[in-house]
Amino acid sequence: MLVFAGLALCVIFIFQTHHLVNSIQDDENDSDSIETYPYNLLRNVYDYPVNLDRDKDIPLFWHVHKSGGSSMKHIFTCLKKIQTRRMNDPNICTDQEAMLKVCHLSFGTKDLGSRVINVDMSSIDGIQRAMELGLATEGRINNLPNCTSYSEGSCVEETFIVDTSRVFDALKVFTNSRRPRLFMIFRHPIERALSKYFYIKVATWERNYKPQVANMSLIEYANSNYCYNNWVTRRLVNKMEGSLTLADLEFAKKILRDKTLILLLEDMQGAVERLRYFFGWNTEPLDDEQQYCLKQFSYEDPINVNTKKDHVEVGGEEWEVIKLKNLMDLALMDYAKELYEIQGKMIFDHAFIE
């Protein structure tokens, strides 16, 4: 019996290895350089401590779908941070106007509220508009408070956060004088794919809702082109179609290692603390409503959590099909967890010394 079990495991391992080798071509010359445009605009994560006022860097949140991104956007509001957002309310503002401006939305009490910049950084058209209107150019955003702090006697604009799911395309908005500080939340790739499936079956309000997915069984979805296929790796290296290579995976790892602040969905409370310390926001006092707000969206009542989803057996048929489509993202997730430990020592050891 033990021999049979061992042989079965061997067959599974050989099959998965064969699949990896055949779906990921090993081509060392198939990768861009991290120092070429637009990757060279990304600030090195180890340029620390961060001083946004001095360096004029802009926090860039890569919103990976079904990885706590909606909760994180609410957390930005809890922290009283301005962020970019798709807007289509003529009574407040829209993302089709001739200028970029800060729009004030109701949120919590009147004292908290929400401030957003009317630009849709999740679409190609929105990113092009942000480039044309100078999102990263000082003084180009109407009503952006520009004397909240001073650096060497000069007025400094208030920090805002750029939120996008199109990380590669969004990089082109920035300049050598105003560079992005990239951060993202990692979630287990298979859990993320499953979350998308169960969410899309009920999320008729989403603009990318596809009824054909809602009518699929889980195994049909897993075998379809709608299921994630190394989405994070592909976005990082800007290769949404075709075969990925081992060089692509190494390039994606290098972007994470050198250029990205790693946060984990499984530790959202820690993610908020890490974010505040990294950007120097930990010195800003939090009132009672902010603290309550952070507690709600960090772990008590996160956004877009679907409680009506079926249990999927780890190692079951559906799980394994999705796994084979996301071997690179799984490897990237393991690497991100290693970086999470390393970056934590950098951030909190420095804070302790200070």
Protein backbone atom coordinates (compact mmCIF):
# COMPACT_ATOMS: atom_id res chain seq x y z
CA MET A 1 0.00 0.00 0.00
CA LEU A 2 2.82 2.38 0.93
CA VAL A 3 4.63 1.53 -2.30
CA PHE A 4 1.47 2.26 -4.31
CA ALA A 5 1.03 5.61 -2.53
CA GLY A 6 4.65 6.50 -3.17
CA LEU A 7 4.32 5.65 -6.86
CA ALA A 8 1.16 7.75 -7.08
CA LEU A 9 2.94 10.76 -5.58
CA CYS A 10 5.82 10.21 -8.00
CA VAL A 11 3.43 10.20 -10.97
CA ILE A 12 1.78 13.43 -9.77
CA PHE A 13 5.18 15.11 -9.28
CA ILE A 14 6.41 14.02 -12.73
CA PHE A 15 3.15 15.17 -14.35
CA GLN A 16 3.30 18.60 -12.71
CA THR A 17 6.99 19.01 -13.55
CA HIS A 18 6.29 18.00 -17.16
CA HIS A 19 3.45 20.52 -17.32
CA LEU A 20 5.67 23.26 -15.90
CA VAL A 21 8.49 22.57 -18.35
CA ASN A 22 6.13 22.47 -21.33
CA SER A 23 4.05 25.52 -20.41
CA ILE A 24 6.98 27.69 -19.32
CA GLN A 25 9.67 27.96 -21.95
CA ASP A 26 13.17 28.51 -20.54
CA ASP A 27 14.47 31.50 -22.47
CA GLU A 28 17.02 33.63 -20.65
CA ASN A 29 16.82 36.37 -23.27
CA ASP A 30 13.05 36.77 -23.03
CA SER A 31 13.04 39.31 -20.20
CA ASP A 32 13.27 43.07 -20.06
CA SER A 33 15.67 44.87 -17.78
CA ILE A 34 14.38 46.34 -14.56
CA GLU A 35 16.36 49.46 -15.42
CA THR A 36 14.57 50.07 -18.72
CA TYR A 37 11.54 52.31 -19.18
CA PRO A 38 9.05 52.28 -17.52
CA TYR A 39 10.38 49.97 -14.80
CA ASN A 40 13.27 52.35 -14.14
CA LEU A 41 10.75 54.88 -12.82
CA LEU A 42 9.98 52.64 -9.84
CA ARG A 43 11.75 53.72 -6.66
CA ASN A 44 13.83 51.01 -5.00
CA VAL A 45 11.98 49.63 -1.97
CA TYR A 46 15.21 49.72 0.06
CA ASP A 47 15.60 53.47 -0.42
CA TYR A 48 14.49 53.72 3.17
CA PRO A 49 13.36 55.51 5.29
CA VAL A 50 10.82 57.00 2.91
CA ASN A 51 10.44 60.77 2.77
CA LEU A 52 7.60 61.56 0.40
CA ASP A 53 7.81 65.33 0.98
CA ARG A 54 11.51 65.49 0.20
CA ASP A 55 11.63 63.05 -2.72
CA LYS A 56 8.17 63.87 -4.14
CA ASP A 57 7.50 60.15 -4.60
CA ILE A 58 3.90 58.97 -5.07
CA PRO A 59 2.57 55.78 -3.40
CA LEU A 60 1.33 53.37 -6.10
CA PHE A 61 -1.09 50.66 -4.97
CA TRP A 62 -1.28 47.73 -7.35
CA HIS A 63 -4.85 46.51 -6.92
CA VAL A 64 -4.68 42.77 -7.59
CA HIS A 65 -8.23 41.52 -8.07
CA LYS A 66 -9.76 39.52 -5.21
CA SER A 67 -6.83 40.22 -2.90
CA GLY A 68 -8.29 42.68 -0.40
CA GLY A 69 -7.97 45.67 -2.70
CA SER A 70 -11.44 47.06 -2.00
CA SER A 71 -10.82 46.88 1.74
CA MET A 72 -7.45 48.57 1.30
CA LYS A 73 -9.05 51.48 -0.58
CA HIS A 74 -11.39 51.99 2.38
CA ILE A 75 -8.37 51.79 4.68
CA PHE A 76 -6.80 54.68 2.74
CA THR A 77 -9.90 56.68 3.62
CA CYS A 78 -9.60 55.61 7.28
CA LEU A 79 -6.08 57.08 7.18
CA LYS A 80 -7.45 60.28 5.57
CA LYS A 81 -5.40 59.77 2.42
CA ILE A 82 -6.38 61.11 -1.00
CA GLN A 83 -6.58 58.43 -3.70
CA THR A 84 -7.40 58.16 -7.40
CA ARG A 85 -10.80 56.70 -8.22
CA ARG A 86 -13.15 56.06 -11.12
CA MET A 87 -15.94 58.65 -10.76
CA ASN A 88 -19.24 59.06 -12.59
CA ASP A 89 -21.44 61.32 -10.48
CA PRO A 90 -22.23 64.63 -12.23
CA ASN A 91 -23.38 66.06 -8.89
CA ILE A 92 -19.89 65.57 -7.44
CA CYS A 93 -17.40 64.96 -10.27
CA THR A 94 -16.63 62.56 -13.12
CA ASP A 95 -13.46 61.09 -14.57
CA GLN A 96 -14.22 62.69 -17.95
CA GLU A 97 -13.72 66.31 -16.94
CA ALA A 98 -11.16 68.64 -18.47
CA MET A 99 -9.12 68.83 -15.27
CA LEU A 100 -8.01 66.65 -12.39
CA LYS A 101 -9.46 67.65 -9.06
CA VAL A 102 -10.05 66.41 -5.54
CA CYS A 103 -13.67 65.37 -5.02
CA HIS A 104 -15.21 65.13 -1.56
CA LEU A 105 -17.44 62.14 -0.84
CA SER A 106 -19.42 61.24 2.23
CA PHE A 107 -17.89 58.52 4.40
CA GLY A 108 -18.39 57.93 8.10
CA THR A 109 -18.94 61.21 9.88
CA LYS A 110 -18.52 64.62 8.32
CA ASP A 111 -15.07 64.88 9.91
CA LEU A 112 -13.78 61.75 8.19
CA GLY A 113 -15.27 61.84 4.69
CA SER A 114 -13.42 60.62 1.62
CA ARG A 115 -11.26 62.55 -0.82
CA VAL A 116 -10.60 61.17 -4.30
CA ILE A 117 -8.97 62.38 -7.49
CA ASN A 118 -11.27 61.99 -10.50
CA VAL A 119 -9.15 59.70 -12.64
CA ASP A 120 -9.79 56.07 -13.60
CA MET A 121 -6.40 54.36 -13.35
CA SER A 122 -7.96 50.95 -13.99
CA SER A 123 -8.55 51.62 -17.71
CA ILE A 124 -6.23 52.41 -20.61
CA ASP A 125 -8.27 55.52 -21.47
CA GLY A 126 -8.11 56.71 -17.86
CA ILE A 127 -4.36 56.20 -17.71
CA GLN A 128 -3.94 58.12 -20.97
CA ARG A 129 -6.04 60.98 -19.54
CA ALA A 130 -3.89 60.96 -16.38
CA MET A 131 -0.78 61.33 -18.55
CA GLU A 132 -2.26 64.14 -20.64
CA LEU A 133 -3.46 66.08 -17.59
CA GLY A 134 -0.23 65.58 -15.66
CA LEU A 135 -1.33 63.48 -12.68
CA ALA A 136 2.29 63.25 -11.50
CA THR A 137 3.02 66.94 -12.13
CA GLU A 138 2.96 69.22 -9.10
CA GLY A 139 0.21 71.81 -9.15
CA ARG A 140 -1.89 70.05 -11.80
CA ILE A 141 -4.62 68.77 -9.47
CA ASN A 142 -7.28 71.33 -8.59
CA ASN A 143 -8.12 71.67 -4.87
CA LEU A 144 -5.18 69.49 -3.83
CA PRO A 145 -3.97 71.13 -0.61
CA ASN A 146 -0.48 72.38 -1.37
CA CYS A 147 0.75 73.91 1.87
CA THR A 148 0.15 71.16 4.42
CA SER A 149 3.88 70.78 5.12
CA TYR A 150 7.15 72.40 4.27
CA SER A 151 10.48 70.97 3.16
CA GLU A 152 13.48 73.31 3.28
CA GLY A 153 11.15 76.30 3.17
CA SER A 154 9.21 75.17 0.10
CA CYS A 155 5.52 74.35 0.00
CA VAL A 156 4.86 70.62 -0.46
CA GLU A 157 1.69 69.15 -1.92
CA GLU A 158 -0.30 66.72 0.17
CA THR A 159 0.41 63.05 -0.53
CA PHE A 160 -2.03 61.09 -2.66
CA ILE A 161 -2.19 57.41 -3.60
CA VAL A 162 -2.52 56.10 -7.14
CA ASP A 163 -4.70 52.98 -7.29
CA THR A 164 -4.53 50.75 -10.36
CA SER A 165 -4.93 47.15 -11.51
CA ARG A 166 -2.81 47.87 -14.61
CA VAL A 167 0.55 48.23 -12.95
CA PHE A 168 2.73 48.24 -16.07
CA ASP A 169 0.58 50.72 -17.99
CA ALA A 170 0.25 52.98 -14.94
CA LEU A 171 4.03 53.35 -14.60
CA LYS A 172 4.06 55.56 -17.69
CA VAL A 173 2.14 58.26 -15.79
CA PHE A 174 5.14 58.94 -13.57
CA THR A 175 8.34 60.88 -14.25
CA ASN A 176 11.96 60.86 -13.16
CA SER A 177 11.20 63.70 -10.76
CA ARG A 178 8.04 62.08 -9.36
CA ARG A 179 8.59 58.36 -9.09
CA PRO A 180 6.18 55.70 -7.80
CA ARG A 181 6.57 53.71 -4.58
CA LEU A 182 4.92 50.40 -5.44
CA PHE A 183 3.07 48.28 -2.89
CA MET A 184 0.65 45.36 -3.25
CA ILE A 185 -1.28 42.70 -1.32
CA PHE A 186 -0.55 39.04 -2.02
CA ARG A 187 -3.17 36.30 -1.74
CA HIS A 188 -2.80 32.58 -2.43
CA PRO A 189 -3.34 32.29 -6.23
CA ILE A 190 -5.73 29.33 -6.09
CA GLU A 191 -7.83 30.93 -3.36
CA ARG A 192 -7.91 34.11 -5.43
CA ALA A 193 -9.15 32.26 -8.52
CA LEU A 194 -11.81 30.48 -6.49
CA SER A 195 -12.87 33.76 -4.91
CA LYS A 196 -13.30 35.30 -8.35
CA TYR A 197 -15.49 32.40 -9.48
CA PHE A 198 -17.84 32.50 -6.51
CA TYR A 199 -17.95 36.31 -6.54
CA ILE A 200 -18.73 36.69 -10.23
CA LYS A 201 -21.70 34.35 -9.90
CA VAL A 202 -23.48 37.00 -7.83
CA ALA A 203 -21.72 40.30 -8.67
CA THR A 204 -24.04 41.48 -11.43
CA TRP A 205 -23.15 45.09 -10.53
CA GLU A 206 -19.52 44.70 -11.62
CA ARG A 207 -18.64 46.26 -14.98
CA ASN A 208 -16.63 43.15 -15.95
CA TYR A 209 -19.44 40.78 -14.95
CA LYS A 210 -19.76 37.86 -17.39
CA PRO A 211 -22.99 35.85 -17.21
CA GLN A 212 -21.36 32.96 -19.08
CA VAL A 213 -19.03 32.48 -16.08
CA ALA A 214 -21.94 32.64 -13.67
CA ASN A 215 -23.54 29.72 -15.49
CA MET A 216 -20.44 27.53 -15.42
CA SER A 217 -19.70 24.79 -12.94
CA LEU A 218 -16.44 25.20 -11.03
CA ILE A 219 -14.64 22.57 -13.10
CA GLU A 220 -15.87 24.21 -16.31
CA TYR A 221 -14.59 27.55 -15.05
CA ALA A 222 -11.25 26.02 -14.01
CA ASN A 223 -10.76 24.61 -17.52
CA SER A 224 -11.86 27.81 -19.26
CA ASN A 225 -9.93 30.88 -20.37
CA TYR A 226 -11.82 32.91 -17.77
CA CYS A 227 -9.85 31.30 -14.95
CA TYR A 228 -6.71 33.17 -13.87
CA ASN A 229 -3.54 32.00 -15.60
CA ASN A 230 -0.51 33.38 -13.71
CA TRP A 231 -2.21 36.78 -13.73
CA VAL A 232 0.17 38.46 -11.26
CA THR A 233 3.31 37.32 -13.08
CA ARG A 234 1.85 38.32 -16.43
CA ARG A 235 0.89 41.81 -15.25
CA LEU A 236 4.30 42.37 -13.70
CA VAL A 237 6.21 41.49 -16.87
CA ASN A 238 3.52 42.90 -19.23
CA LYS A 239 2.90 39.61 -20.99
CA MET A 240 -0.83 38.90 -20.85
CA GLU A 241 -0.79 36.56 -23.87
CA GLY A 242 1.42 33.69 -25.00
CA SER A 243 3.79 31.42 -23.13
CA LEU A 244 5.65 32.64 -20.08
CA THR A 245 9.30 31.75 -19.57
CA LEU A 246 11.44 30.97 -16.57
CA ALA A 247 13.19 34.25 -17.32
CA ASP A 248 9.82 36.00 -16.95
CA LEU A 249 9.41 34.45 -13.51
CA GLU A 250 12.89 35.58 -12.46
CA PHE A 251 12.18 39.08 -13.76
CA ALA A 252 8.92 39.21 -11.79
CA LYS A 253 10.79 38.11 -8.66
CA LYS A 254 13.35 40.84 -9.21
CA ILE A 255 10.62 43.49 -9.44
CA LEU A 256 9.20 42.23 -6.14
CA ARG A 257 12.60 42.08 -4.48
CA ASP A 258 13.93 45.45 -5.59
CA LYS A 259 10.87 47.60 -6.19
CA THR A 260 7.82 46.41 -4.22
CA LEU A 261 6.56 46.67 -0.66
CA ILE A 262 4.91 43.30 0.03
CA LEU A 263 1.72 43.05 2.08
CA LEU A 264 -0.20 39.82 2.79
CA LEU A 265 -3.97 39.38 2.84
CA GLU A 266 -3.64 36.83 5.64
CA ASP A 267 -2.17 39.61 7.81
CA MET A 268 -4.23 42.67 6.92
CA GLN A 269 -3.91 44.18 10.38
CA GLY A 270 -0.14 43.86 10.07
CA ALA A 271 -0.32 45.18 6.51
CA VAL A 272 -1.89 48.43 7.71
CA GLU A 273 0.77 48.84 10.38
CA ARG A 274 3.54 48.07 7.91
CA LEU A 275 2.12 50.54 5.39
CA ARG A 276 1.96 53.32 7.98
CA TYR A 277 5.52 52.75 9.13
CA PHE A 278 6.91 52.41 5.62
CA PHE A 279 5.48 55.71 4.39
CA GLY A 280 6.08 57.53 7.68
CA TRP A 281 2.35 57.86 8.41
CA ASN A 282 2.75 56.20 11.82
CA THR A 283 3.50 59.61 13.34
CA GLU A 284 0.04 60.88 12.38
CA PRO A 285 -2.36 60.47 15.34
CA LEU A 286 -5.52 58.44 14.78
CA ASP A 287 -8.78 59.63 16.33
CA ASP A 288 -11.45 57.23 17.63
CA GLU A 289 -13.34 57.08 14.34
CA GLN A 290 -10.19 56.33 12.36
CA GLN A 291 -9.26 53.53 14.73
CA TYR A 292 -12.77 52.05 14.49
CA CYS A 293 -12.65 52.41 10.70
CA LEU A 294 -9.32 50.58 10.48
CA LYS A 295 -10.55 47.77 12.71
CA GLN A 296 -13.66 47.31 10.56
CA PHE A 297 -11.94 47.11 7.18
CA SER A 298 -8.76 45.36 8.32
CA TYR A 299 -10.38 42.29 9.81
CA GLU A 300 -13.88 42.69 11.29
CA ASP A 301 -15.88 43.53 8.16
CA PRO A 302 -13.71 43.56 5.01
CA ILE A 303 -15.26 44.59 1.69
CA ASN A 304 -16.57 42.19 -0.98
CA VAL A 305 -16.19 39.05 1.11
CA ASN A 306 -18.54 36.41 -0.26
CA THR A 307 -19.74 34.15 2.53
CA LYS A 308 -21.97 32.13 0.18
CA LYS A 309 -19.31 30.01 -1.47
CA ASP A 310 -18.85 26.29 -1.54
CA HIS A 311 -16.01 24.46 0.13
CA VAL A 312 -13.36 23.34 -2.37
CA GLU A 313 -11.16 20.45 -1.33
CA VAL A 314 -7.43 21.21 -1.36
CA GLY A 315 -5.92 18.72 -3.80
CA GLY A 316 -9.31 17.97 -5.39
CA GLU A 317 -9.90 18.00 -9.14
CA GLU A 318 -10.86 21.67 -9.40
CA TRP A 319 -8.02 22.75 -7.12
CA GLU A 320 -5.44 20.84 -9.16
CA VAL A 321 -6.65 22.19 -12.51
CA ILE A 322 -6.40 25.77 -11.23
CA LYS A 323 -3.02 24.99 -9.68
CA LEU A 324 -1.56 23.85 -13.00
CA LYS A 325 -2.60 27.19 -14.52
CA ASN A 326 -0.87 29.19 -11.79
CA LEU A 327 2.45 27.49 -11.09
CA MET A 328 4.37 30.72 -11.63
CA ASP A 329 2.10 32.75 -9.39
CA LEU A 330 2.44 30.06 -6.72
CA ALA A 331 6.22 30.32 -6.94
CA LEU A 332 5.91 34.10 -6.80
CA MET A 333 3.71 33.85 -3.70
CA ASP A 334 6.31 31.71 -1.91
CA TYR A 335 8.98 34.26 -2.80
CA ALA A 336 6.77 37.14 -1.64
CA LYS A 337 6.45 35.52 1.78
CA GLU A 338 10.24 35.37 2.07
CA LEU A 339 10.46 39.04 1.14
CA TYR A 340 7.73 39.87 3.66
CA GLU A 341 9.98 38.65 6.48
CA ILE A 342 13.02 40.50 5.15
CA GLN A 343 11.16 43.77 4.62
CA GLY A 344 9.56 43.53 8.05
CA LYS A 345 13.00 43.49 9.67
CA MET A 346 14.04 46.51 7.59
CA ILE A 347 10.94 48.55 8.48
CA PHE A 348 10.41 47.69 12.14
CA ASP A 349 14.04 47.33 13.17
CA HIS A 350 14.66 50.80 11.81
CA ALA A 351 11.57 52.13 13.60
CA PHE A 352 12.80 50.60 16.86
CA ILE A 353 16.25 52.18 16.42
CA GLU A 354 14.66 55.56 15.72
